[in-house]
Amino acid sequence: MDMGTFRGITTLLILIAFLGIVAWAYSKRRRKDFDEAANLPFADEQDDAGHDDRASPDVDARQDRGDRNT
């Protein structure tokens, strides 16, 4: 088996894997799961309402960046 045959077989296997993934992603059985996952950013979570953990007003911004100039 020469290198050209090996590359051809490898290309064929990768093409088959790609087509399998495409068939899996667009199958009708997976549609409900993908639609549910697509709407997750818009879900309203009740337990985190009014909770903002992004920044604390007590923390100096210079310390967050590592600046030592005070």
N, C-alpha and C. Protein backbone atom coordinates (compact mmCIF):
# COMPACT_ATOMS: atom_id res chain seq x y z
N MET A 1 0.85 -1.17 0.00
CA MET A 1 0.00 0.00 0.00
C MET A 1 0.90 1.24 0.00
N ASP A 2 0.71 2.07 -0.98
CA ASP A 2 1.53 3.29 -1.05
C ASP A 2 0.83 4.44 -0.32
N MET A 3 1.52 5.55 -0.23
CA MET A 3 1.02 6.69 0.54
C MET A 3 -0.25 7.27 -0.06
N GLY A 4 -0.38 7.27 -1.36
CA GLY A 4 -1.59 7.80 -2.02
C GLY A 4 -2.82 7.00 -1.65
N THR A 5 -2.72 5.69 -1.59
CA THR A 5 -3.84 4.84 -1.20
C THR A 5 -4.22 5.09 0.26
N PHE A 6 -3.22 5.21 1.11
CA PHE A 6 -3.47 5.48 2.52
C PHE A 6 -4.20 6.80 2.70
N ARG A 7 -3.76 7.83 1.99
CA ARG A 7 -4.41 9.13 2.07
C ARG A 7 -5.84 9.08 1.54
N GLY A 8 -6.07 8.33 0.49
CA GLY A 8 -7.41 8.18 -0.07
C GLY A 8 -8.35 7.49 0.91
N ILE A 9 -7.87 6.44 1.57
CA ILE A 9 -8.69 5.73 2.55
C ILE A 9 -8.97 6.63 3.75
N THR A 10 -7.97 7.38 4.19
CA THR A 10 -8.15 8.31 5.31
C THR A 10 -9.19 9.38 4.96
N THR A 11 -9.10 9.92 3.75
CA THR A 11 -10.07 10.93 3.31
C THR A 11 -11.48 10.35 3.27
N LEU A 12 -11.61 9.13 2.80
CA LEU A 12 -12.91 8.47 2.75
C LEU A 12 -13.48 8.26 4.15
N LEU A 13 -12.66 7.84 5.09
CA LEU A 13 -13.13 7.63 6.46
C LEU A 13 -13.55 8.94 7.10
N ILE A 14 -12.81 10.01 6.86
CA ILE A 14 -13.17 11.31 7.41
C ILE A 14 -14.47 11.81 6.78
N LEU A 15 -14.65 11.60 5.50
CA LEU A 15 -15.90 11.99 4.83
C LEU A 15 -17.08 11.23 5.41
N ILE A 16 -16.92 9.94 5.65
CA ILE A 16 -18.00 9.14 6.23
C ILE A 16 -18.33 9.63 7.64
N ALA A 17 -17.30 9.95 8.43
CA ALA A 17 -17.53 10.47 9.78
C ALA A 17 -18.27 11.81 9.72
N PHE A 18 -17.87 12.67 8.81
CA PHE A 18 -18.53 13.97 8.66
C PHE A 18 -20.00 13.80 8.27
N LEU A 19 -20.27 12.94 7.33
CA LEU A 19 -21.65 12.72 6.92
C LEU A 19 -22.48 12.11 8.05
N GLY A 20 -21.86 11.26 8.86
CA GLY A 20 -22.55 10.70 10.02
C GLY A 20 -22.91 11.77 11.03
N ILE A 21 -21.99 12.70 11.28
CA ILE A 21 -22.27 13.79 12.22
C ILE A 21 -23.37 14.69 11.69
N VAL A 22 -23.34 15.00 10.40
CA VAL A 22 -24.38 15.83 9.80
C VAL A 22 -25.74 15.13 9.89
N ALA A 23 -25.78 13.83 9.61
CA ALA A 23 -27.04 13.09 9.70
C ALA A 23 -27.56 13.08 11.14
N TRP A 24 -26.65 12.93 12.12
CA TRP A 24 -27.05 12.93 13.52
C TRP A 24 -27.60 14.30 13.92
N ALA A 25 -26.93 15.36 13.48
CA ALA A 25 -27.33 16.71 13.88
C ALA A 25 -28.67 17.12 13.28
N TYR A 26 -28.96 16.65 12.10
CA TYR A 26 -30.20 17.04 11.44
C TYR A 26 -31.30 15.98 11.52
N SER A 27 -31.11 14.96 12.34
CA SER A 27 -32.14 13.93 12.46
C SER A 27 -33.34 14.49 13.22
N LYS A 28 -34.50 13.98 12.91
CA LYS A 28 -35.73 14.47 13.53
C LYS A 28 -35.80 14.10 15.01
N ARG A 29 -35.13 13.03 15.42
CA ARG A 29 -35.15 12.64 16.83
C ARG A 29 -34.41 13.64 17.70
N ARG A 30 -33.41 14.33 17.17
CA ARG A 30 -32.61 15.28 17.94
C ARG A 30 -33.16 16.70 17.91
N ARG A 31 -34.16 16.95 17.10
CA ARG A 31 -34.68 18.30 16.92
C ARG A 31 -35.16 18.92 18.24
N LYS A 32 -35.89 18.15 19.03
CA LYS A 32 -36.42 18.66 20.29
C LYS A 32 -35.28 19.06 21.23
N ASP A 33 -34.25 18.23 21.31
CA ASP A 33 -33.11 18.53 22.18
C ASP A 33 -32.38 19.79 21.74
N PHE A 34 -32.16 19.93 20.44
CA PHE A 34 -31.45 21.10 19.93
C PHE A 34 -32.29 22.37 20.07
N ASP A 35 -33.59 22.27 19.88
CA ASP A 35 -34.46 23.45 20.06
C ASP A 35 -34.45 23.88 21.52
N GLU A 36 -34.46 22.91 22.43
CA GLU A 36 -34.41 23.23 23.86
C GLU A 36 -33.07 23.88 24.22
N ALA A 37 -31.98 23.37 23.68
CA ALA A 37 -30.66 23.95 23.95
C ALA A 37 -30.54 25.34 23.35
N ALA A 38 -31.17 25.58 22.22
CA ALA A 38 -31.10 26.89 21.59
C ALA A 38 -31.83 27.95 22.40
N ASN A 39 -32.83 27.56 23.17
CA ASN A 39 -33.60 28.51 23.97
C ASN A 39 -33.07 28.68 25.39
N LEU A 40 -32.01 27.98 25.76
CA LEU A 40 -31.47 28.09 27.12
C LEU A 40 -31.04 29.51 27.50
N PRO A 41 -30.43 30.30 26.61
CA PRO A 41 -30.05 31.66 27.02
C PRO A 41 -31.25 32.53 27.37
N PHE A 42 -32.42 32.19 26.91
CA PHE A 42 -33.60 32.99 27.16
C PHE A 42 -34.43 32.47 28.33
N ALA A 43 -33.97 31.41 28.96
CA ALA A 43 -34.71 30.81 30.08
C ALA A 43 -34.65 31.75 31.28
N ASP A 44 -35.75 31.85 31.98
CA ASP A 44 -35.83 32.70 33.16
C ASP A 44 -35.58 31.84 34.39
N GLU A 45 -34.46 32.09 35.05
CA GLU A 45 -34.13 31.31 36.23
C GLU A 45 -34.63 32.05 37.47
N GLN A 46 -35.44 31.40 38.26
CA GLN A 46 -36.05 32.00 39.43
C GLN A 46 -35.07 32.13 40.60
N ASP A 47 -34.15 31.19 40.76
CA ASP A 47 -33.28 31.20 41.93
C ASP A 47 -32.18 32.25 41.85
N ASP A 48 -31.82 32.74 40.68
CA ASP A 48 -30.77 33.74 40.54
C ASP A 48 -31.31 35.15 40.31
N ALA A 49 -32.60 35.34 40.47
CA ALA A 49 -33.20 36.65 40.21
C ALA A 49 -32.68 37.68 41.21
N GLY A 50 -32.24 38.82 40.70
CA GLY A 50 -31.76 39.90 41.54
C GLY A 50 -30.39 39.67 42.14
N HIS A 51 -29.66 38.73 41.63
CA HIS A 51 -28.34 38.39 42.17
C HIS A 51 -27.28 38.76 41.13
N ASP A 52 -26.39 39.68 41.47
CA ASP A 52 -25.35 40.11 40.54
C ASP A 52 -23.99 39.86 41.17
N ASP A 53 -23.26 38.85 40.65
CA ASP A 53 -21.96 38.49 41.20
C ASP A 53 -20.80 39.05 40.37
N ARG A 54 -21.07 39.93 39.42
CA ARG A 54 -20.01 40.39 38.52
C ARG A 54 -18.97 41.25 39.22
N ALA A 55 -19.38 42.14 40.08
CA ALA A 55 -18.42 43.02 40.74
C ALA A 55 -18.93 43.39 42.12
N SER A 56 -18.01 43.54 43.01
CA SER A 56 -18.34 43.96 44.35
C SER A 56 -17.94 45.42 44.51
N PRO A 57 -18.77 46.28 45.07
CA PRO A 57 -18.43 47.71 45.18
C PRO A 57 -17.29 47.94 46.16
N ASP A 58 -16.97 46.99 47.04
CA ASP A 58 -15.92 47.16 48.03
C ASP A 58 -14.52 46.90 47.46
N VAL A 59 -14.42 46.29 46.31
CA VAL A 59 -13.12 45.91 45.75
C VAL A 59 -12.59 47.05 44.89
N ASP A 60 -11.35 47.42 45.12
CA ASP A 60 -10.70 48.47 44.33
C ASP A 60 -10.36 47.91 42.95
N ALA A 61 -10.69 48.65 41.91
CA ALA A 61 -10.47 48.18 40.54
C ALA A 61 -8.99 47.99 40.24
N ARG A 62 -8.12 48.75 40.88
CA ARG A 62 -6.69 48.60 40.63
C ARG A 62 -6.18 47.25 41.12
N GLN A 63 -6.75 46.74 42.17
CA GLN A 63 -6.34 45.42 42.67
C GLN A 63 -6.77 44.34 41.71
N ASP A 64 -7.88 44.50 41.04
CA ASP A 64 -8.36 43.50 40.10
C ASP A 64 -7.41 43.34 38.93
N ARG A 65 -6.81 44.44 38.47
CA ARG A 65 -5.91 44.39 37.33
C ARG A 65 -4.47 44.08 37.72
N GLY A 66 -4.19 44.12 38.98
CA GLY A 66 -2.85 43.85 39.43
C GLY A 66 -1.96 45.08 39.47
N ASP A 67 -2.54 46.28 39.29
CA ASP A 67 -1.75 47.52 39.36
C ASP A 67 -1.33 47.77 40.79
N ARG A 68 -0.08 48.18 41.00
CA ARG A 68 0.40 48.45 42.34
C ARG A 68 0.52 49.94 42.62
N ASN A 69 0.16 50.79 41.66
CA ASN A 69 0.23 52.23 41.85
C ASN A 69 -0.95 52.70 42.69
N THR A 70 -0.64 53.21 43.88
CA THR A 70 -1.73 53.71 44.74
C THR A 70 -1.56 55.16 45.03
